[in-house]
Protein backbone atom coordinates (compact mmCIF):
# COMPACT_ATOMS: atom_id res chain seq x y z
CA UNK A 1 -14.41 -43.95 35.40
CA UNK A 2 -16.68 -40.97 34.92
CA UNK A 3 -16.56 -38.31 32.25
CA UNK A 4 -17.51 -34.78 33.15
CA UNK A 5 -19.17 -32.78 30.42
CA UNK A 6 -19.04 -29.00 30.64
CA UNK A 7 -21.68 -27.04 28.77
CA UNK A 8 -20.83 -23.46 27.87
CA UNK A 9 -23.68 -21.01 27.44
CA UNK A 10 -23.63 -18.57 24.56
CA UNK A 11 -25.59 -16.10 26.68
CA UNK A 12 -23.37 -13.43 28.22
CA UNK A 13 -25.30 -12.57 31.38
CA UNK A 14 -23.61 -9.96 33.60
CA UNK A 15 -23.50 -10.79 37.33
CA UNK A 16 -25.27 -7.48 37.88
CA UNK A 17 -28.53 -9.05 36.69
CA UNK A 18 -28.33 -11.67 39.45
CA UNK A 19 -27.42 -8.93 41.92
CA UNK A 20 -30.61 -7.07 40.98
CA UNK A 21 -32.65 -10.20 41.76
CA UNK A 22 -30.88 -10.65 45.11
CA UNK A 23 -31.44 -7.10 46.35
CA UNK A 24 -35.04 -7.19 45.10
CA UNK A 25 -35.58 -10.24 47.31
CA UNK A 26 -34.15 -8.24 50.21
CA UNK A 27 -36.38 -5.23 49.45
CA UNK A 28 -33.21 -3.20 49.00
CA UNK A 29 -32.80 -0.43 46.43
CA UNK A 30 -29.65 0.14 44.41
CA UNK A 31 -29.03 3.41 46.28
CA UNK A 32 -29.32 1.61 49.62
CA UNK A 33 -26.89 -1.05 48.44
CA UNK A 34 -24.42 1.67 47.46
CA UNK A 35 -24.71 3.29 50.88
CA UNK A 36 -24.29 0.00 52.74
CA UNK A 37 -21.16 -0.77 50.67
CA UNK A 38 -19.94 2.84 50.91
CA UNK A 39 -19.55 2.88 47.13
CA UNK A 40 -20.58 5.64 44.69
CA UNK A 41 -23.91 4.76 43.10
CA UNK A 42 -22.50 5.51 39.62
CA UNK A 43 -19.78 2.86 39.99
CA UNK A 44 -22.26 0.25 41.15
CA UNK A 45 -24.49 1.16 38.21
CA UNK A 46 -21.66 0.05 35.89
CA UNK A 47 -21.50 -3.28 37.76
CA UNK A 48 -25.23 -3.81 37.25
CA UNK A 49 -24.85 -3.20 33.50
CA UNK A 50 -21.78 -5.41 33.14
CA UNK A 51 -19.51 -2.55 32.17
CA UNK A 52 -17.39 -2.86 35.32
CA UNK A 53 -16.10 -6.18 36.61
CA UNK A 54 -16.75 -7.45 40.14
CA UNK A 55 -13.34 -7.47 41.84
CA UNK A 56 -12.43 -9.63 44.86
CA UNK A 57 -12.88 -6.58 47.12
CA UNK A 58 -16.34 -5.94 45.72
CA UNK A 59 -17.23 -9.62 46.01
CA UNK A 60 -16.27 -9.62 49.71
CA UNK A 61 -18.37 -6.51 50.35
CA UNK A 62 -21.35 -8.08 48.59
CA UNK A 63 -20.95 -11.20 50.72
CA UNK A 64 -21.27 -9.08 53.86
CA UNK A 65 -24.19 -6.97 52.62
CA UNK A 66 -26.41 -9.45 50.73
CA UNK A 67 -25.16 -12.77 52.14
CA UNK A 68 -24.12 -14.41 48.85
CA UNK A 69 -20.58 -15.89 49.15
CA UNK A 70 -17.77 -13.99 47.42
CA UNK A 71 -16.76 -17.07 45.42
CA UNK A 72 -20.22 -17.08 43.78
CA UNK A 73 -19.81 -13.49 42.61
CA UNK A 74 -16.29 -14.12 41.32
CA UNK A 75 -17.44 -17.29 39.54
CA UNK A 76 -20.31 -15.48 37.85
CA UNK A 77 -17.94 -12.68 36.81
CA UNK A 78 -15.38 -15.11 35.40
CA UNK A 79 -18.01 -17.00 33.41
CA UNK A 80 -19.43 -13.74 32.05
CA UNK A 81 -16.03 -12.47 30.91
CA UNK A 82 -15.13 -15.85 29.41
CA UNK A 83 -18.36 -15.92 27.43
CA UNK A 84 -17.66 -12.41 26.09
CA UNK A 85 -14.11 -13.42 25.14
CA UNK A 86 -15.33 -16.61 23.44
CA UNK A 87 -17.91 -14.65 21.48
CA UNK A 88 -15.28 -12.09 20.43
CA UNK A 89 -12.87 -14.84 19.39
CA UNK A 90 -15.54 -16.50 17.28
CA UNK A 91 -16.30 -13.16 15.62
CA UNK A 92 -12.60 -12.57 14.95
CA UNK A 93 -12.17 -15.99 13.37
CA UNK A 94 -15.24 -15.45 11.19
CA UNK A 95 -13.91 -12.08 10.08
CA UNK A 96 -10.47 -13.54 9.33
CA UNK A 97 -12.03 -16.32 7.27
CA UNK A 98 -13.99 -13.77 5.27
CA UNK A 99 -10.87 -11.66 4.70
CA UNK A 100 -8.85 -14.71 3.66
CA UNK A 101 -10.82 -14.71 0.40
CA UNK A 102 -8.91 -11.54 -0.55
CA UNK A 103 -5.43 -13.02 -0.14
CA UNK A 104 -5.14 -14.00 -3.80
CA UNK A 105 -6.44 -10.63 -4.97
CA UNK A 106 -3.70 -8.93 -2.96
CA UNK A 107 -1.10 -11.02 -4.85
CA UNK A 108 -0.06 -13.01 -1.79
CA UNK A 109 2.00 -15.44 -3.86
CA UNK A 110 3.96 -12.65 -5.52
CA UNK A 111 4.52 -10.88 -2.19
CA UNK A 112 5.73 -14.13 -0.62
CA UNK A 113 8.14 -14.70 -3.50
CA UNK A 114 9.58 -11.24 -2.89
CA UNK A 115 9.92 -11.92 0.85
CA UNK A 116 7.34 -9.31 1.86
CA UNK A 117 5.12 -11.89 3.60
CA UNK A 118 5.68 -15.38 4.97
CA UNK A 119 5.07 -18.23 2.51
CA UNK A 120 2.11 -20.24 3.82
CA UNK A 121 -0.95 -22.15 2.69
CA UNK A 122 -2.95 -21.34 5.83
CA UNK A 123 -5.68 -18.79 5.03
CA UNK A 124 -5.77 -17.15 8.47
CA UNK A 125 -1.98 -16.76 8.51
CA UNK A 126 -2.18 -15.09 5.10
CA UNK A 127 -4.66 -12.55 6.46
CA UNK A 128 -2.47 -11.81 9.48
CA UNK A 129 0.58 -11.41 7.24
CA UNK A 130 -1.25 -9.07 4.87
CA UNK A 131 -2.46 -7.00 7.83
CA UNK A 132 1.13 -6.70 9.02
CA UNK A 133 2.37 -5.87 5.50
CA UNK A 134 -0.16 -3.06 5.05
CA UNK A 135 -0.07 -1.94 8.68
CA UNK A 136 -3.83 -2.25 9.17
CA UNK A 137 -6.03 -3.97 11.74
CA UNK A 138 -8.31 -5.30 9.01
CA UNK A 139 -8.00 -5.68 5.24
CA UNK A 140 -11.30 -3.81 5.03
CA UNK A 141 -9.37 -0.69 6.10
CA UNK A 142 -7.07 -0.67 3.04
CA UNK A 143 -9.50 1.15 0.69
CA UNK A 144 -9.83 3.85 3.37
CA UNK A 145 -6.09 4.61 3.41
CA UNK A 146 -5.58 7.70 1.25
CA UNK A 147 -2.51 6.38 -0.54
CA UNK A 148 -4.43 3.35 -1.85
CA UNK A 149 -7.75 5.02 -2.59
CA UNK A 150 -6.58 5.95 -6.09
CA UNK A 151 -6.06 2.24 -6.82
CA UNK A 152 -9.67 1.45 -5.95
CA UNK A 153 -10.96 4.41 -7.95
CA UNK A 154 -8.89 3.42 -10.97
CA UNK A 155 -9.77 -0.25 -10.63
CA UNK A 156 -13.49 0.48 -10.52
CA UNK A 157 -13.47 2.63 -13.66
CA UNK A 158 -11.04 0.67 -15.83
CA UNK A 159 -12.21 -0.60 -19.19
CA UNK A 160 -10.13 -3.73 -18.68
CA UNK A 161 -9.66 -6.19 -15.85
CA UNK A 162 -7.71 -4.27 -13.28
CA UNK A 163 -7.31 -5.23 -9.65
CA UNK A 164 -7.33 -2.42 -7.07
CA UNK A 165 -6.03 -4.95 -4.52
CA UNK A 166 -3.03 -5.79 -6.73
CA UNK A 167 -2.40 -2.08 -7.29
CA UNK A 168 -2.47 -1.48 -3.54
CA UNK A 169 0.05 -4.27 -2.93
CA UNK A 170 2.32 -2.85 -5.62
CA UNK A 171 2.13 0.66 -4.14
CA UNK A 172 2.71 -0.62 -0.60
CA UNK A 173 5.79 -2.54 -1.70
CA UNK A 174 7.20 0.64 -3.23
CA UNK A 175 6.25 2.67 -0.16
CA UNK A 176 8.11 0.32 2.21
CA UNK A 177 11.19 0.27 -0.01
CA UNK A 178 11.17 4.06 -0.35
CA UNK A 179 11.03 4.49 3.43
CA UNK A 180 14.28 2.55 3.69
CA UNK A 181 16.09 4.69 1.14
CA UNK A 182 18.17 7.55 2.47
CA UNK A 183 17.30 10.73 0.60
CA UNK A 184 17.99 14.40 1.00
CA UNK A 185 15.00 16.72 1.24
CA UNK A 186 13.37 17.20 -2.15
CA UNK A 187 15.08 19.97 -4.08
CA UNK A 188 13.44 20.93 -7.36
CA UNK A 189 16.52 22.82 -8.54
CA UNK A 190 18.79 19.81 -7.98
CA UNK A 191 16.29 17.50 -9.66
CA UNK A 192 16.20 19.71 -12.76
CA UNK A 193 19.99 20.02 -12.75
CA UNK A 194 20.33 16.21 -12.79
CA UNK A 195 18.51 15.79 -16.11
CA UNK A 196 21.63 16.03 -18.38
CA UNK A 197 23.38 13.37 -16.29
CA UNK A 198 20.30 11.16 -16.55
CA UNK A 199 20.27 11.53 -20.34
CA UNK A 200 23.90 10.48 -20.44
CA UNK A 201 22.99 7.15 -18.79
CA UNK A 202 20.47 6.14 -21.45
CA UNK A 203 22.97 4.08 -23.44
CA UNK A 204 23.99 1.95 -20.43
CA UNK A 205 22.65 -1.36 -19.13
CA UNK A 206 20.54 -1.30 -15.95
CA UNK A 207 23.25 -3.01 -13.91
CA UNK A 208 25.59 -0.14 -14.83
CA UNK A 209 23.36 2.90 -14.54
CA UNK A 210 21.02 1.90 -11.72
CA UNK A 211 23.32 2.59 -8.72
CA UNK A 212 24.31 6.00 -10.09
CA UNK A 213 20.73 6.82 -11.10
CA UNK A 214 19.41 5.95 -7.63
CA UNK A 215 22.13 7.96 -5.92
CA UNK A 216 21.71 11.00 -8.15
CA UNK A 217 17.95 11.14 -7.61
CA UNK A 218 18.33 10.56 -3.86
CA UNK A 219 20.53 13.65 -3.62
CA UNK A 220 17.63 15.61 -5.12
CA UNK A 221 15.13 14.08 -2.68
CA UNK A 222 13.62 11.49 -5.03
CA UNK A 223 13.46 7.87 -3.86
CA UNK A 224 13.63 5.64 -6.95
CA UNK A 225 12.03 2.21 -6.58
CA UNK A 226 12.22 -0.33 -9.39
CA UNK A 227 9.34 -2.67 -8.65
CA UNK A 228 8.38 -5.91 -10.43
CA UNK A 229 5.16 -6.05 -12.36
CA UNK A 230 2.13 -7.40 -10.48
CA UNK A 231 -0.54 -9.21 -12.54
CA UNK A 232 -3.75 -7.25 -12.71
CA UNK A 233 -2.18 -3.83 -12.17
CA UNK A 234 -1.69 -2.74 -15.79
CA UNK A 235 0.58 -0.05 -14.36
CA UNK A 236 3.88 1.34 -15.63
CA UNK A 237 4.89 3.81 -12.94
CA UNK A 238 3.73 5.99 -10.10
CA UNK A 239 4.71 9.04 -8.10
CA UNK A 240 3.69 10.01 -4.58
CA UNK A 241 5.11 11.72 -1.52
CA UNK A 242 6.22 10.47 1.87
CA UNK A 243 5.69 13.60 3.91
CA UNK A 244 6.75 16.82 2.25
CA UNK A 245 10.46 16.05 2.04
CA UNK A 246 10.68 12.78 0.11
CA UNK A 247 9.24 12.18 -3.35
CA UNK A 248 8.80 8.58 -4.48
CA UNK A 249 9.18 7.55 -8.12
CA UNK A 250 8.15 3.96 -8.83
CA UNK A 251 8.94 2.18 -12.07
CA UNK A 252 7.82 -1.29 -13.06
CA UNK A 253 9.95 -3.73 -15.05
CA UNK A 254 6.84 -4.84 -16.92
CA UNK A 255 8.31 -3.80 -20.26
CA UNK A 256 11.84 -4.47 -21.44
CA UNK A 257 12.27 -1.75 -24.08
CA UNK A 258 14.99 0.64 -22.94
CA UNK A 259 13.44 3.70 -24.58
CA UNK A 260 10.07 3.00 -22.91
CA UNK A 261 11.76 2.83 -19.52
CA UNK A 262 13.61 6.12 -19.99
CA UNK A 263 10.59 7.93 -21.38
CA UNK A 264 8.54 6.65 -18.43
CA UNK A 265 11.20 7.76 -15.95
CA UNK A 266 11.33 11.29 -17.38
CA UNK A 267 7.51 11.34 -17.56
CA UNK A 268 7.30 10.62 -13.81
CA UNK A 269 9.97 13.23 -13.11
CA UNK A 270 7.80 15.62 -15.08
CA UNK A 271 4.93 15.02 -12.66
CA UNK A 272 7.19 15.71 -9.68
CA UNK A 273 8.61 18.89 -11.18
CA UNK A 274 5.46 20.25 -12.78
CA UNK A 275 2.53 19.12 -10.68
CA UNK A 276 3.46 19.62 -7.06
CA UNK A 277 2.62 17.27 -4.23
CA UNK A 278 -0.28 15.28 -5.63
CA UNK A 279 -1.34 12.34 -3.44
CA UNK A 280 -0.68 9.52 -5.94
CA UNK A 281 -0.27 9.62 -9.72
CA UNK A 282 -0.56 6.23 -11.41
CA UNK A 283 0.50 5.61 -14.99
CA UNK A 284 -1.53 2.70 -16.29
CA UNK A 285 -2.96 1.30 -19.49
CA UNK A 286 -6.19 3.06 -18.53
CA UNK A 287 -5.14 6.62 -17.78
CA UNK A 288 -7.72 8.78 -16.05
CA UNK A 289 -9.59 10.55 -18.87
CA UNK A 290 -10.22 13.47 -16.53
CA UNK A 291 -6.52 14.32 -16.42
CA UNK A 292 -5.42 14.68 -20.07
CA UNK A 293 -3.70 18.03 -19.55
CA UNK A 294 -1.50 16.81 -16.73
CA UNK A 295 -0.50 13.70 -18.69
CA UNK A 296 0.14 15.72 -21.84
CA UNK A 297 2.39 18.08 -19.88
CA UNK A 298 4.38 15.17 -18.45
CA UNK A 299 4.68 13.60 -21.91
CA UNK A 300 5.92 16.87 -23.39
CA UNK A 301 8.40 17.30 -20.54
CA UNK A 302 9.78 13.78 -21.10
CA UNK A 303 10.04 14.16 -24.86
CA UNK A 304 11.68 17.59 -24.76
CA UNK A 305 14.05 16.65 -21.92
CA UNK A 306 15.30 13.57 -23.75
CA UNK A 307 15.52 15.12 -27.21
CA UNK A 308 15.81 18.93 -27.56
CA UNK A 309 12.70 19.96 -29.55
CA UNK A 310 14.44 22.34 -31.96
CA UNK A 311 17.08 19.79 -32.88
CA UNK A 312 14.47 17.06 -33.24
CA UNK A 313 12.43 19.25 -35.58
CA UNK A 314 15.48 19.84 -37.78
CA UNK A 315 16.19 16.11 -37.83
CA UNK A 316 12.69 15.07 -38.87
CA UNK A 317 12.52 17.84 -41.46
CA UNK A 318 15.57 16.33 -43.17
CA UNK A 319 13.59 13.12 -43.56
CA UNK A 320 16.46 10.64 -43.37
CA UNK A 321 15.50 7.95 -40.84
CA UNK A 322 18.06 5.34 -41.74
CA UNK A 323 19.72 3.48 -38.89
CA UNK A 324 23.02 5.25 -39.51
CA UNK A 325 21.39 8.70 -39.44
CA UNK A 326 19.36 7.87 -36.32
CA UNK A 327 22.51 6.74 -34.52
CA UNK A 328 24.45 9.82 -35.63
CA UNK A 329 21.69 12.18 -34.49
CA UNK A 330 21.37 10.36 -31.15
CA UNK A 331 25.12 10.74 -30.63
CA UNK A 332 24.89 14.45 -31.41
CA UNK A 333 22.17 15.07 -28.81
CA UNK A 334 23.66 12.67 -26.26
CA UNK A 335 20.99 10.00 -25.88
CA UNK A 336 20.66 6.34 -26.77
CA UNK A 337 19.67 5.75 -30.39
CA UNK A 338 16.72 3.63 -29.26
CA UNK A 339 15.13 6.72 -27.70
CA UNK A 340 15.24 8.51 -31.04
CA UNK A 341 13.85 5.43 -32.84
CA UNK A 342 11.08 5.07 -30.27
CA UNK A 343 10.15 8.72 -30.65
CA UNK A 344 10.00 8.36 -34.45
CA UNK A 345 7.77 5.30 -34.10
CA UNK A 346 5.51 7.11 -31.65
CA UNK A 347 5.22 10.05 -34.05
CA UNK A 348 4.39 7.74 -36.97
CA UNK A 349 7.60 8.51 -38.87
CA UNK A 350 9.02 5.02 -38.48
CA UNK A 351 7.15 1.72 -38.66
CA UNK A 352 6.87 -0.20 -35.40
CA UNK A 353 7.97 -3.36 -37.22
CA UNK A 354 11.05 -1.63 -38.64
CA UNK A 355 13.84 -4.15 -38.10
CA UNK A 356 16.57 -1.61 -38.61
CA UNK A 357 15.36 0.54 -35.71
CA UNK A 358 18.19 0.55 -33.14
CA UNK A 359 15.99 -0.17 -30.12
CA UNK A 360 17.32 -2.33 -27.31
CA UNK A 361 15.76 -4.45 -24.60
CA UNK A 362 16.80 -4.42 -20.95
CA UNK A 363 17.59 -7.55 -18.99
CA UNK A 364 16.85 -6.80 -15.36
CA UNK A 365 18.82 -8.55 -12.65
CA UNK A 366 16.82 -9.92 -9.68
CA UNK A 367 18.46 -7.45 -7.31
CA UNK A 368 16.84 -4.54 -9.15
CA UNK A 369 13.42 -5.63 -7.89
CA UNK A 370 12.02 -3.95 -4.81
CA UNK A 371 12.77 -5.65 -1.52
CA UNK A 372 10.04 -6.30 1.05
């Protein structure tokens, strides 16, 4: 019994180099070869350089002109192409292994739990799944996508540990969910007209108000996505646009306080109504210090939309911040009492540890989290 060992060369030598040696031995120029084969010199030039493959027809013509059998030319061509393919495959595997180091940073475990990617322990499969999830040929392309560039800018300037990769995954999850939502074209007038109805929902539990809230905003062209918190994002909400017809409003369930959720929702609506079609606006623990005016305008919009400013001023002037008075005032203006209590705490008129403050916490059902 014999064992045949095949040795593969890493050198990718085009058959054209051997052809040059053959015609040199025949004292034949490349132009003469082209004439004898009745082929354009430019096309044969590509064969010499390895840019154009030797086909069976070409191999048969070379056999007649230079005397080297066609099978030799085809064998040289096949070996050359195989060597190129092997080299490319090795490069691809090396690149995938390098990219696999980013899988954890892109919150692969959290994405798998949400069904956005396939659960796996294989590094190369993780990379392929993340590429599919983001719609990129390489994870290195993600920072170049305009929608995710803000995440990398914010992550690089944050005072705290903040992951631009985690932020990108969070934004992509919201983007995919928003694309699935049916929305009318954005209508600023309808969005503004929906504010009283939104205020009326503030005393309800998420499982009660969420379907109506989503539907009401969709009619105004706003796709609402409630997305789970991703570790390392330090983000509360975001707004961006899918084309010019659909606005996306993302909210995280990071915090459970009802008044924080509603203030955040109205804050994001403020960005959509006041600040036009910005690329991406992220609300995080480390707000961009270069944008204080825009944030202040959104804060003022949220506060005034939830609690009419004139009535609030009269209420605080009276100075009675007992639970009973807070609840009575909240009923008069048509919002949840926790929103009034939260506003008083924010303004320093009520202690944050005040046990009598009628603030409530939300319990989010799993189905409120964004789908993959």
